[in-house]
Amino acid sequence: MTQATLDLFRDDAYLRECSAHIAAVQADGGIVLDQTVFYPLGGGQAGDSGALLLADGTQIAIADTRKGKDGA
């Protein structure tokens, strides 16, 4: 079981970037982070989009964000 993601946007809604670690990669292609500034889909509001920049310089486009069923 993956530990819950720390929702940094709850403390600062204007935060645009942070350092994070990939906690898990799901079979459906989902990426679980240990902390995030991405606001997930919910309450009638669309999830954020953006990019993850990996340590090796690779950029991963994020088209949508969802909160996992287990809270991660």
PDB file of N, CA and C in Angstrom:
ATOM      1  N   MET A   1       0.832  -1.187   0.000  1.00  0.00           N
ATOM      2  CA  MET A   1       0.000   0.000   0.000  1.00  0.00           C
ATOM      3  C   MET A   1       0.871   1.242   0.000  1.00  0.00           C
ATOM      4  N   THR A   2       0.504   2.213  -0.801  1.00  0.00           N
ATOM      5  CA  THR A   2       1.249   3.457  -0.921  1.00  0.00           C
ATOM      6  C   THR A   2       0.783   4.450   0.133  1.00  0.00           C
ATOM      7  N   GLN A   3       1.725   5.187   0.693  1.00  0.00           N
ATOM      8  CA  GLN A   3       1.398   6.221   1.664  1.00  0.00           C
ATOM      9  C   GLN A   3       0.643   7.353   0.971  1.00  0.00           C
ATOM     10  N   ALA A   4      -0.240   8.026   1.680  1.00  0.00           N
ATOM     11  CA  ALA A   4      -1.040   9.112   1.114  1.00  0.00           C
ATOM     12  C   ALA A   4      -0.143  10.259   0.651  1.00  0.00           C
ATOM     13  N   THR A   5      -0.550  10.896  -0.418  1.00  0.00           N
ATOM     14  CA  THR A   5       0.170  12.039  -0.975  1.00  0.00           C
ATOM     15  C   THR A   5      -0.109  13.283  -0.138  1.00  0.00           C
ATOM     16  N   LEU A   6       0.923  14.047   0.177  1.00  0.00           N
ATOM     17  CA  LEU A   6       0.783  15.306   0.898  1.00  0.00           C
ATOM     18  C   LEU A   6       0.309  16.368  -0.086  1.00  0.00           C
ATOM     19  N   ASP A   7      -0.858  16.955   0.175  1.00  0.00           N
ATOM     20  CA  ASP A   7      -1.467  17.944  -0.721  1.00  0.00           C
ATOM     21  C   ASP A   7      -0.963  19.347  -0.380  1.00  0.00           C
ATOM     22  N   LEU A   8       0.124  19.772  -1.003  1.00  0.00           N
ATOM     23  CA  LEU A   8       0.724  21.076  -0.709  1.00  0.00           C
ATOM     24  C   LEU A   8      -0.186  22.236  -1.093  1.00  0.00           C
ATOM     25  N   PHE A   9      -1.055  22.033  -2.077  1.00  0.00           N
ATOM     26  CA  PHE A   9      -1.951  23.102  -2.535  1.00  0.00           C
ATOM     27  C   PHE A   9      -2.949  23.503  -1.449  1.00  0.00           C
ATOM     28  N   ARG A  10      -3.151  22.673  -0.458  1.00  0.00           N
ATOM     29  CA  ARG A  10      -4.079  23.009   0.633  1.00  0.00           C
ATOM     30  C   ARG A  10      -3.521  24.126   1.513  1.00  0.00           C
ATOM     31  N   ASP A  11      -2.193  24.219   1.634  1.00  0.00           N
ATOM     32  CA  ASP A  11      -1.555  25.271   2.425  1.00  0.00           C
ATOM     33  C   ASP A  11      -1.257  26.517   1.605  1.00  0.00           C
ATOM     34  N   ASP A  12      -1.043  26.359   0.294  1.00  0.00           N
ATOM     35  CA  ASP A  12      -0.732  27.493  -0.581  1.00  0.00           C
ATOM     36  C   ASP A  12      -1.306  27.211  -1.961  1.00  0.00           C
ATOM     37  N   ALA A  13      -2.490  27.757  -2.227  1.00  0.00           N
ATOM     38  CA  ALA A  13      -3.193  27.506  -3.494  1.00  0.00           C
ATOM     39  C   ALA A  13      -2.459  28.085  -4.702  1.00  0.00           C
ATOM     40  N   TYR A  14      -1.490  28.968  -4.470  1.00  0.00           N
ATOM     41  CA  TYR A  14      -0.763  29.598  -5.581  1.00  0.00           C
ATOM     42  C   TYR A  14       0.593  28.948  -5.841  1.00  0.00           C
ATOM     43  N   LEU A  15       0.939  27.930  -5.076  1.00  0.00           N
ATOM     44  CA  LEU A  15       2.203  27.217  -5.266  1.00  0.00           C
ATOM     45  C   LEU A  15       2.205  26.569  -6.649  1.00  0.00           C
ATOM     46  N   ARG A  16       3.267  26.773  -7.418  1.00  0.00           N
ATOM     47  CA  ARG A  16       3.311  26.286  -8.790  1.00  0.00           C
ATOM     48  C   ARG A  16       4.323  25.166  -9.017  1.00  0.00           C
ATOM     49  N   GLU A  17       5.195  24.930  -8.048  1.00  0.00           N
ATOM     50  CA  GLU A  17       6.169  23.851  -8.216  1.00  0.00           C
ATOM     51  C   GLU A  17       6.657  23.381  -6.851  1.00  0.00           C
ATOM     52  N   CYS A  18       7.175  22.166  -6.840  1.00  0.00           N
ATOM     53  CA  CYS A  18       7.756  21.597  -5.628  1.00  0.00           C
ATOM     54  C   CYS A  18       8.639  20.425  -6.035  1.00  0.00           C
ATOM     55  N   SER A  19       9.480  20.008  -5.129  1.00  0.00           N
ATOM     56  CA  SER A  19      10.235  18.771  -5.313  1.00  0.00           C
ATOM     57  C   SER A  19       9.375  17.639  -4.787  1.00  0.00           C
ATOM     58  N   ALA A  20       9.407  16.506  -5.447  1.00  0.00           N
ATOM     59  CA  ALA A  20       8.613  15.350  -5.012  1.00  0.00           C
ATOM     60  C   ALA A  20       9.318  14.082  -5.464  1.00  0.00           C
ATOM     61  N   HIS A  21       8.922  12.974  -4.853  1.00  0.00           N
ATOM     62  CA  HIS A  21       9.428  11.662  -5.241  1.00  0.00           C
ATOM     63  C   HIS A  21       8.264  10.832  -5.768  1.00  0.00           C
ATOM     64  N   ILE A  22       8.542  10.025  -6.768  1.00  0.00           N
ATOM     65  CA  ILE A  22       7.524   9.110  -7.286  1.00  0.00           C
ATOM     66  C   ILE A  22       7.396   7.969  -6.291  1.00  0.00           C
ATOM     67  N   ALA A  23       6.195   7.827  -5.711  1.00  0.00           N
ATOM     68  CA  ALA A  23       5.937   6.789  -4.721  1.00  0.00           C
ATOM     69  C   ALA A  23       5.511   5.489  -5.386  1.00  0.00           C
ATOM     70  N   ALA A  24       4.847   5.605  -6.547  1.00  0.00           N
ATOM     71  CA  ALA A  24       4.387   4.408  -7.259  1.00  0.00           C
ATOM     72  C   ALA A  24       4.019   4.781  -8.688  1.00  0.00           C
ATOM     73  N   VAL A  25       4.119   3.790  -9.568  1.00  0.00           N
ATOM     74  CA  VAL A  25       3.620   3.905 -10.936  1.00  0.00           C
ATOM     75  C   VAL A  25       2.581   2.804 -11.081  1.00  0.00           C
ATOM     76  N   GLN A  26       1.365   3.204 -11.424  1.00  0.00           N
ATOM     77  CA  GLN A  26       0.261   2.254 -11.483  1.00  0.00           C
ATOM     78  C   GLN A  26       0.171   1.583 -12.849  1.00  0.00           C
ATOM     79  N   ALA A  27      -0.463   0.433 -12.892  1.00  0.00           N
ATOM     80  CA  ALA A  27      -0.601  -0.346 -14.123  1.00  0.00           C
ATOM     81  C   ALA A  27      -1.314   0.440 -15.222  1.00  0.00           C
ATOM     82  N   ASP A  28      -2.217   1.347 -14.836  1.00  0.00           N
ATOM     83  CA  ASP A  28      -2.952   2.134 -15.829  1.00  0.00           C
ATOM     84  C   ASP A  28      -2.185   3.369 -16.289  1.00  0.00           C
ATOM     85  N   GLY A  29      -0.938   3.520 -15.824  1.00  0.00           N
ATOM     86  CA  GLY A  29      -0.110   4.651 -16.231  1.00  0.00           C
ATOM     87  C   GLY A  29      -0.125   5.798 -15.246  1.00  0.00           C
ATOM     88  N   GLY A  30      -0.921   5.674 -14.192  1.00  0.00           N
ATOM     89  CA  GLY A  30      -0.975   6.721 -13.174  1.00  0.00           C
ATOM     90  C   GLY A  30       0.334   6.806 -12.400  1.00  0.00           C
ATOM     91  N   ILE A  31       0.663   8.014 -11.975  1.00  0.00           N
ATOM     92  CA  ILE A  31       1.875   8.251 -11.193  1.00  0.00           C
ATOM     93  C   ILE A  31       1.445   8.791  -9.836  1.00  0.00           C
ATOM     94  N   VAL A  32       1.917   8.172  -8.768  1.00  0.00           N
ATOM     95  CA  VAL A  32       1.615   8.611  -7.415  1.00  0.00           C
ATOM     96  C   VAL A  32       2.858   9.306  -6.865  1.00  0.00           C
ATOM     97  N   LEU A  33       2.683  10.526  -6.386  1.00  0.00           N
ATOM     98  CA  LEU A  33       3.788  11.305  -5.824  1.00  0.00           C
ATOM     99  C   LEU A  33       3.678  11.343  -4.305  1.00  0.00           C
ATOM    100  N   ASP A  34       4.820  11.587  -3.633  1.00  0.00           N
ATOM    101  CA  ASP A  34       4.776  11.705  -2.174  1.00  0.00           C
ATOM    102  C   ASP A  34       4.171  13.037  -1.736  1.00  0.00           C
ATOM    103  N   GLN A  35       4.260  14.059  -2.586  1.00  0.00           N
ATOM    104  CA  GLN A  35       3.631  15.350  -2.347  1.00  0.00           C
ATOM    105  C   GLN A  35       3.362  16.021  -3.686  1.00  0.00           C
ATOM    106  N   THR A  36       2.396  16.943  -3.699  1.00  0.00           N
ATOM    107  CA  THR A  36       2.009  17.527  -4.976  1.00  0.00           C
ATOM    108  C   THR A  36       1.417  18.921  -4.833  1.00  0.00           C
ATOM    109  N   VAL A  37       1.569  19.726  -5.889  1.00  0.00           N
ATOM    110  CA  VAL A  37       0.876  21.012  -6.003  1.00  0.00           C
ATOM    111  C   VAL A  37      -0.322  20.890  -6.938  1.00  0.00           C
ATOM    112  N   PHE A  38      -0.480  19.724  -7.587  1.00  0.00           N
ATOM    113  CA  PHE A  38      -1.593  19.494  -8.518  1.00  0.00           C
ATOM    114  C   PHE A  38      -2.902  19.310  -7.760  1.00  0.00           C
ATOM    115  N   TYR A  39      -3.910  20.096  -8.115  1.00  0.00           N
ATOM    116  CA  TYR A  39      -5.249  19.943  -7.531  1.00  0.00           C
ATOM    117  C   TYR A  39      -5.978  18.872  -8.326  1.00  0.00           C
ATOM    118  N   PRO A  40      -6.550  17.856  -7.649  1.00  0.00           N
ATOM    119  CA  PRO A  40      -7.213  16.777  -8.383  1.00  0.00           C
ATOM    120  C   PRO A  40      -8.639  17.128  -8.794  1.00  0.00           C
ATOM    121  N   LEU A  41      -9.132  16.425  -9.797  1.00  0.00           N
ATOM    122  CA  LEU A  41     -10.527  16.528 -10.219  1.00  0.00           C
ATOM    123  C   LEU A  41     -11.433  16.297  -9.019  1.00  0.00           C
ATOM    124  N   GLY A  42     -12.460  17.120  -8.887  1.00  0.00           N
ATOM    125  CA  GLY A  42     -13.412  16.898  -7.799  1.00  0.00           C
ATOM    126  C   GLY A  42     -14.268  18.112  -7.521  1.00  0.00           C
ATOM    127  N   GLY A  43     -15.440  17.877  -6.993  1.00  0.00           N
ATOM    128  CA  GLY A  43     -16.321  18.970  -6.611  1.00  0.00           C
ATOM    129  C   GLY A  43     -16.719  19.863  -7.769  1.00  0.00           C
ATOM    130  N   GLY A  44     -16.775  19.305  -8.974  1.00  0.00           N
ATOM    131  CA  GLY A  44     -17.139  20.095 -10.147  1.00  0.00           C
ATOM    132  C   GLY A  44     -15.978  20.869 -10.751  1.00  0.00           C
ATOM    133  N   GLN A  45     -14.802  20.770 -10.152  1.00  0.00           N
ATOM    134  CA  GLN A  45     -13.626  21.475 -10.669  1.00  0.00           C
ATOM    135  C   GLN A  45     -12.729  20.486 -11.401  1.00  0.00           C
ATOM    136  N   ALA A  46     -12.251  20.885 -12.565  1.00  0.00           N
ATOM    137  CA  ALA A  46     -11.329  20.043 -13.335  1.00  0.00           C
ATOM    138  C   ALA A  46     -10.012  19.884 -12.585  1.00  0.00           C
ATOM    139  N   GLY A  47      -9.350  18.757 -12.802  1.00  0.00           N
ATOM    140  CA  GLY A  47      -8.026  18.549 -12.227  1.00  0.00           C
ATOM    141  C   GLY A  47      -6.994  19.385 -12.957  1.00  0.00           C
ATOM    142  N   ASP A  48      -5.904  19.706 -12.256  1.00  0.00           N
ATOM    143  CA  ASP A  48      -4.824  20.491 -12.858  1.00  0.00           C
ATOM    144  C   ASP A  48      -4.102  19.704 -13.943  1.00  0.00           C
ATOM    145  N   SER A  49      -3.424  20.421 -14.797  1.00  0.00           N
ATOM    146  CA  SER A  49      -2.522  19.832 -15.782  1.00  0.00           C
ATOM    147  C   SER A  49      -1.181  20.538 -15.627  1.00  0.00           C
ATOM    148  N   GLY A  50      -0.160  19.978 -16.210  1.00  0.00           N
ATOM    149  CA  GLY A  50       1.166  20.577 -16.098  1.00  0.00           C
ATOM    150  C   GLY A  50       2.220  19.594 -16.532  1.00  0.00           C
ATOM    151  N   ALA A  51       3.333  19.575 -15.833  1.00  0.00           N
ATOM    152  CA  ALA A  51       4.427  18.680 -16.199  1.00  0.00           C
ATOM    153  C   ALA A  51       5.218  18.262 -14.976  1.00  0.00           C
ATOM    154  N   LEU A  52       5.769  17.064 -15.060  1.00  0.00           N
ATOM    155  CA  LEU A  52       6.749  16.590 -14.082  1.00  0.00           C
ATOM    156  C   LEU A  52       8.106  16.657 -14.760  1.00  0.00           C
ATOM    157  N   LEU A  53       9.083  17.204 -14.086  1.00  0.00           N
ATOM    158  CA  LEU A  53      10.442  17.256 -14.602  1.00  0.00           C
ATOM    159  C   LEU A  53      11.278  16.292 -13.770  1.00  0.00           C
ATOM    160  N   LEU A  54      11.752  15.228 -14.410  1.00  0.00           N
ATOM    161  CA  LEU A  54      12.531  14.209 -13.706  1.00  0.00           C
ATOM    162  C   LEU A  54      13.972  14.661 -13.526  1.00  0.00           C
ATOM    163  N   ALA A  55      14.677  14.019 -12.616  1.00  0.00           N
ATOM    164  CA  ALA A  55      16.061  14.377 -12.302  1.00  0.00           C
ATOM    165  C   ALA A  55      16.980  14.310 -13.519  1.00  0.00           C
ATOM    166  N   ASP A  56      16.680  13.417 -14.477  1.00  0.00           N
ATOM    167  CA  ASP A  56      17.535  13.286 -15.666  1.00  0.00           C
ATOM    168  C   ASP A  56      17.166  14.285 -16.760  1.00  0.00           C
ATOM    169  N   GLY A  57      16.207  15.188 -16.475  1.00  0.00           N
ATOM    170  CA  GLY A  57      15.797  16.201 -17.442  1.00  0.00           C
ATOM    171  C   GLY A  57      14.591  15.822 -18.275  1.00  0.00           C
ATOM    172  N   THR A  58      14.153  14.580 -18.185  1.00  0.00           N
ATOM    173  CA  THR A  58      12.961  14.136 -18.906  1.00  0.00           C
ATOM    174  C   THR A  58      11.730  14.866 -18.372  1.00  0.00           C
ATOM    175  N   GLN A  59      10.887  15.324 -19.270  1.00  0.00           N
ATOM    176  CA  GLN A  59       9.651  15.988 -18.882  1.00  0.00           C
ATOM    177  C   GLN A  59       8.462  15.096 -19.230  1.00  0.00           C
ATOM    178  N   ILE A  60       7.562  14.904 -18.268  1.00  0.00           N
ATOM    179  CA  ILE A  60       6.357  14.106 -18.467  1.00  0.00           C
ATOM    180  C   ILE A  60       5.158  15.044 -18.414  1.00  0.00           C
ATOM    181  N   ALA A  61       4.404  15.110 -19.501  1.00  0.00           N
ATOM    182  CA  ALA A  61       3.206  15.950 -19.539  1.00  0.00           C
ATOM    183  C   ALA A  61       2.114  15.314 -18.683  1.00  0.00           C
ATOM    184  N   ILE A  62       1.467  16.124 -17.857  1.00  0.00           N
ATOM    185  CA  ILE A  62       0.349  15.686 -17.027  1.00  0.00           C
ATOM    186  C   ILE A  62      -0.906  16.349 -17.580  1.00  0.00           C
ATOM    187  N   ALA A  63      -1.809  15.531 -18.130  1.00  0.00           N
ATOM    188  CA  ALA A  63      -3.017  16.045 -18.764  1.00  0.00           C
ATOM    189  C   ALA A  63      -4.184  16.193 -17.796  1.00  0.00           C
ATOM    190  N   ASP A  64      -4.174  15.408 -16.716  1.00  0.00           N
ATOM    191  CA  ASP A  64      -5.285  15.394 -15.779  1.00  0.00           C
ATOM    192  C   ASP A  64      -4.791  14.821 -14.455  1.00  0.00           C
ATOM    193  N   THR A  65      -5.418  15.214 -13.373  1.00  0.00           N
ATOM    194  CA  THR A  65      -5.037  14.685 -12.074  1.00  0.00           C
ATOM    195  C   THR A  65      -6.265  14.183 -11.341  1.00  0.00           C
ATOM    196  N   ARG A  66      -6.092  13.051 -10.674  1.00  0.00           N
ATOM    197  CA  ARG A  66      -7.177  12.404  -9.943  1.00  0.00           C
ATOM    198  C   ARG A  66      -6.664  11.996  -8.585  1.00  0.00           C
ATOM    199  N   LYS A  67      -7.542  11.998  -7.605  1.00  0.00           N
ATOM    200  CA  LYS A  67      -7.221  11.478  -6.281  1.00  0.00           C
ATOM    201  C   LYS A  67      -7.557   9.991  -6.294  1.00  0.00           C
ATOM    202  N   GLY A  68      -6.628   9.163  -5.855  1.00  0.00           N
ATOM    203  CA  GLY A  68      -6.849   7.715  -5.829  1.00  0.00           C
ATOM    204  C   GLY A  68      -7.923   7.323  -4.839  1.00  0.00           C
ATOM    205  N   LYS A  69      -8.494   6.160  -5.050  1.00  0.00           N
ATOM    206  CA  LYS A  69      -9.563   5.657  -4.169  1.00  0.00           C
ATOM    207  C   LYS A  69      -9.089   5.483  -2.744  1.00  0.00           C
ATOM    208  N   ASP A  70      -7.801   5.177  -2.566  1.00  0.00           N
ATOM    209  CA  ASP A  70      -7.271   4.982  -1.207  1.00  0.00           C
ATOM    210  C   ASP A  70      -6.744   6.270  -0.594  1.00  0.00           C
ATOM    211  N   GLY A  71      -6.984   7.413  -1.272  1.00  0.00           N
ATOM    212  CA  GLY A  71      -6.532   8.703  -0.758  1.00  0.00           C
ATOM    213  C   GLY A  71      -5.173   9.118  -1.242  1.00  0.00           C
ATOM    214  N   ALA A  72      -4.506   8.263  -1.992  1.00  0.00           N
ATOM    215  CA  ALA A  72      -3.165   8.592  -2.500  1.00  0.00           C
ATOM    216  C   ALA A  72      -3.252   9.400  -3.771  1.00  0.00           C
TER     217      ALA A  72
END
